[in-house]
Amino acid sequence: MALDASQRVGQSFGVEGIPHTVIVGPDGKVAFVKTGYEPGGAKKIAEVVRKLLEQRR
């Protein structure tokens, strides 16, 4: 979680709502973007992170 008081980071990632989740992969590229809440969203995020970690092995 980060505070973006100047909104520069939010603008660079195209944030249009809160919550806004951005996952950056080990290669430094954006691997996943999600804006808003939905039931089961945490499971989807965990799945993306798990897949990224498996790619590093």
N, C-alpha and C. Protein backbone atom coordinates (compact mmCIF):
# COMPACT_ATOMS: atom_id res chain seq x y z
N MET A 1 0.85 -1.15 0.00
CA MET A 1 0.00 0.00 0.00
C MET A 1 0.91 1.22 0.00
N ALA A 2 0.55 2.19 -0.82
CA ALA A 2 1.34 3.39 -0.91
C ALA A 2 0.45 4.62 -0.94
N LEU A 3 0.94 5.70 -0.41
CA LEU A 3 0.25 6.98 -0.47
C LEU A 3 0.83 7.77 -1.62
N ASP A 4 -0.01 8.21 -2.52
CA ASP A 4 0.41 8.93 -3.71
C ASP A 4 -0.19 10.34 -3.66
N ALA A 5 0.30 11.15 -2.72
CA ALA A 5 -0.30 12.46 -2.48
C ALA A 5 -0.28 13.35 -3.72
N SER A 6 0.76 13.26 -4.53
CA SER A 6 0.84 14.10 -5.72
C SER A 6 0.10 13.49 -6.91
N GLN A 7 -0.31 12.23 -6.78
CA GLN A 7 -1.04 11.48 -7.81
C GLN A 7 -0.22 11.22 -9.07
N ARG A 8 1.08 11.41 -9.03
CA ARG A 8 1.92 11.15 -10.21
C ARG A 8 1.98 9.66 -10.53
N VAL A 9 2.13 8.84 -9.52
CA VAL A 9 2.20 7.39 -9.76
C VAL A 9 0.85 6.89 -10.27
N GLY A 10 -0.22 7.34 -9.64
CA GLY A 10 -1.56 6.95 -10.07
C GLY A 10 -1.83 7.32 -11.51
N GLN A 11 -1.41 8.49 -11.90
CA GLN A 11 -1.60 8.92 -13.28
C GLN A 11 -0.79 8.07 -14.24
N SER A 12 0.42 7.71 -13.86
CA SER A 12 1.26 6.91 -14.76
C SER A 12 0.71 5.50 -14.95
N PHE A 13 -0.04 4.98 -13.95
CA PHE A 13 -0.63 3.65 -14.07
C PHE A 13 -2.10 3.71 -14.50
N GLY A 14 -2.60 4.90 -14.78
CA GLY A 14 -3.97 5.02 -15.25
C GLY A 14 -5.02 4.70 -14.20
N VAL A 15 -4.74 5.03 -12.95
CA VAL A 15 -5.68 4.73 -11.87
C VAL A 15 -6.97 5.51 -12.11
N GLU A 16 -8.09 4.77 -12.09
CA GLU A 16 -9.39 5.39 -12.29
C GLU A 16 -10.31 5.17 -11.10
N GLY A 17 -9.85 4.43 -10.11
CA GLY A 17 -10.67 4.17 -8.93
C GLY A 17 -9.85 3.54 -7.83
N ILE A 18 -10.49 3.40 -6.69
CA ILE A 18 -9.83 2.81 -5.53
C ILE A 18 -10.71 1.69 -5.02
N PRO A 19 -10.20 0.55 -4.66
CA PRO A 19 -8.79 0.19 -4.66
C PRO A 19 -8.26 -0.06 -6.07
N HIS A 20 -6.99 0.13 -6.23
CA HIS A 20 -6.32 -0.11 -7.51
C HIS A 20 -5.09 -0.94 -7.22
N THR A 21 -5.04 -2.12 -7.77
CA THR A 21 -3.94 -3.05 -7.51
C THR A 21 -3.10 -3.20 -8.76
N VAL A 22 -1.80 -3.04 -8.60
CA VAL A 22 -0.85 -3.25 -9.69
C VAL A 22 0.19 -4.23 -9.18
N ILE A 23 0.40 -5.32 -9.92
CA ILE A 23 1.44 -6.28 -9.57
C ILE A 23 2.52 -6.20 -10.63
N VAL A 24 3.73 -5.94 -10.17
CA VAL A 24 4.88 -5.86 -11.06
C VAL A 24 5.65 -7.16 -10.93
N GLY A 25 5.91 -7.80 -12.07
CA GLY A 25 6.61 -9.07 -12.07
C GLY A 25 8.10 -8.91 -11.83
N PRO A 26 8.79 -10.02 -11.67
CA PRO A 26 10.23 -9.98 -11.41
C PRO A 26 11.02 -9.36 -12.56
N ASP A 27 10.42 -9.31 -13.74
CA ASP A 27 11.08 -8.70 -14.89
C ASP A 27 10.89 -7.19 -14.93
N GLY A 28 10.15 -6.64 -13.95
CA GLY A 28 9.92 -5.21 -13.88
C GLY A 28 8.74 -4.73 -14.71
N LYS A 29 8.03 -5.66 -15.35
CA LYS A 29 6.88 -5.30 -16.17
C LYS A 29 5.59 -5.50 -15.38
N VAL A 30 4.59 -4.69 -15.70
CA VAL A 30 3.29 -4.82 -15.05
C VAL A 30 2.66 -6.14 -15.49
N ALA A 31 2.37 -6.99 -14.49
CA ALA A 31 1.83 -8.32 -14.77
C ALA A 31 0.32 -8.40 -14.56
N PHE A 32 -0.23 -7.47 -13.78
CA PHE A 32 -1.65 -7.54 -13.44
C PHE A 32 -2.11 -6.18 -12.97
N VAL A 33 -3.30 -5.78 -13.40
CA VAL A 33 -3.91 -4.53 -12.96
C VAL A 33 -5.38 -4.80 -12.66
N LYS A 34 -5.84 -4.31 -11.54
CA LYS A 34 -7.25 -4.48 -11.15
C LYS A 34 -7.71 -3.23 -10.44
N THR A 35 -8.83 -2.69 -10.88
CA THR A 35 -9.42 -1.54 -10.22
C THR A 35 -10.77 -1.95 -9.65
N GLY A 36 -11.00 -1.57 -8.41
CA GLY A 36 -12.26 -1.86 -7.77
C GLY A 36 -12.24 -3.13 -6.94
N TYR A 37 -13.37 -3.36 -6.30
CA TYR A 37 -13.53 -4.54 -5.44
C TYR A 37 -14.46 -5.54 -6.10
N GLU A 38 -14.15 -6.80 -5.89
CA GLU A 38 -15.08 -7.86 -6.26
C GLU A 38 -14.85 -9.04 -5.33
N PRO A 39 -15.91 -9.74 -4.97
CA PRO A 39 -15.74 -10.93 -4.13
C PRO A 39 -14.79 -11.91 -4.82
N GLY A 40 -13.88 -12.46 -4.06
CA GLY A 40 -12.92 -13.41 -4.62
C GLY A 40 -11.72 -12.75 -5.27
N GLY A 41 -11.66 -11.44 -5.25
CA GLY A 41 -10.55 -10.72 -5.87
C GLY A 41 -9.20 -11.06 -5.26
N ALA A 42 -9.18 -11.26 -3.96
CA ALA A 42 -7.92 -11.60 -3.28
C ALA A 42 -7.38 -12.93 -3.77
N LYS A 43 -8.27 -13.88 -4.05
CA LYS A 43 -7.83 -15.18 -4.57
C LYS A 43 -7.19 -15.03 -5.94
N LYS A 44 -7.77 -14.18 -6.79
CA LYS A 44 -7.22 -13.94 -8.12
C LYS A 44 -5.84 -13.31 -8.02
N ILE A 45 -5.68 -12.35 -7.13
CA ILE A 45 -4.39 -11.69 -6.94
C ILE A 45 -3.36 -12.70 -6.44
N ALA A 46 -3.75 -13.54 -5.48
CA ALA A 46 -2.84 -14.56 -4.96
C ALA A 46 -2.42 -15.52 -6.06
N GLU A 47 -3.34 -15.86 -6.95
CA GLU A 47 -3.03 -16.76 -8.06
C GLU A 47 -1.99 -16.13 -9.00
N VAL A 48 -2.16 -14.86 -9.30
CA VAL A 48 -1.20 -14.17 -10.17
C VAL A 48 0.19 -14.16 -9.52
N VAL A 49 0.24 -13.83 -8.25
CA VAL A 49 1.52 -13.79 -7.54
C VAL A 49 2.16 -15.18 -7.51
N ARG A 50 1.36 -16.20 -7.24
CA ARG A 50 1.88 -17.57 -7.20
C ARG A 50 2.48 -17.96 -8.56
N LYS A 51 1.79 -17.63 -9.64
CA LYS A 51 2.30 -17.96 -10.98
C LYS A 51 3.60 -17.22 -11.28
N LEU A 52 3.67 -15.97 -10.86
CA LEU A 52 4.91 -15.20 -11.09
C LEU A 52 6.08 -15.80 -10.31
N LEU A 53 5.80 -16.23 -9.07
CA LEU A 53 6.86 -16.84 -8.27
C LEU A 53 7.30 -18.18 -8.86
N GLU A 54 6.37 -18.94 -9.43
CA GLU A 54 6.72 -20.21 -10.04
C GLU A 54 7.61 -20.01 -11.27
N GLN A 55 7.41 -18.92 -11.99
CA GLN A 55 8.21 -18.64 -13.17
C GLN A 55 9.66 -18.37 -12.82
N ARG A 56 9.92 -17.95 -11.61
CA ARG A 56 11.28 -17.64 -11.17
C ARG A 56 12.08 -18.89 -10.86
N ARG A 57 11.42 -20.01 -10.69
CA ARG A 57 12.12 -21.24 -10.29
C ARG A 57 12.78 -21.89 -11.45
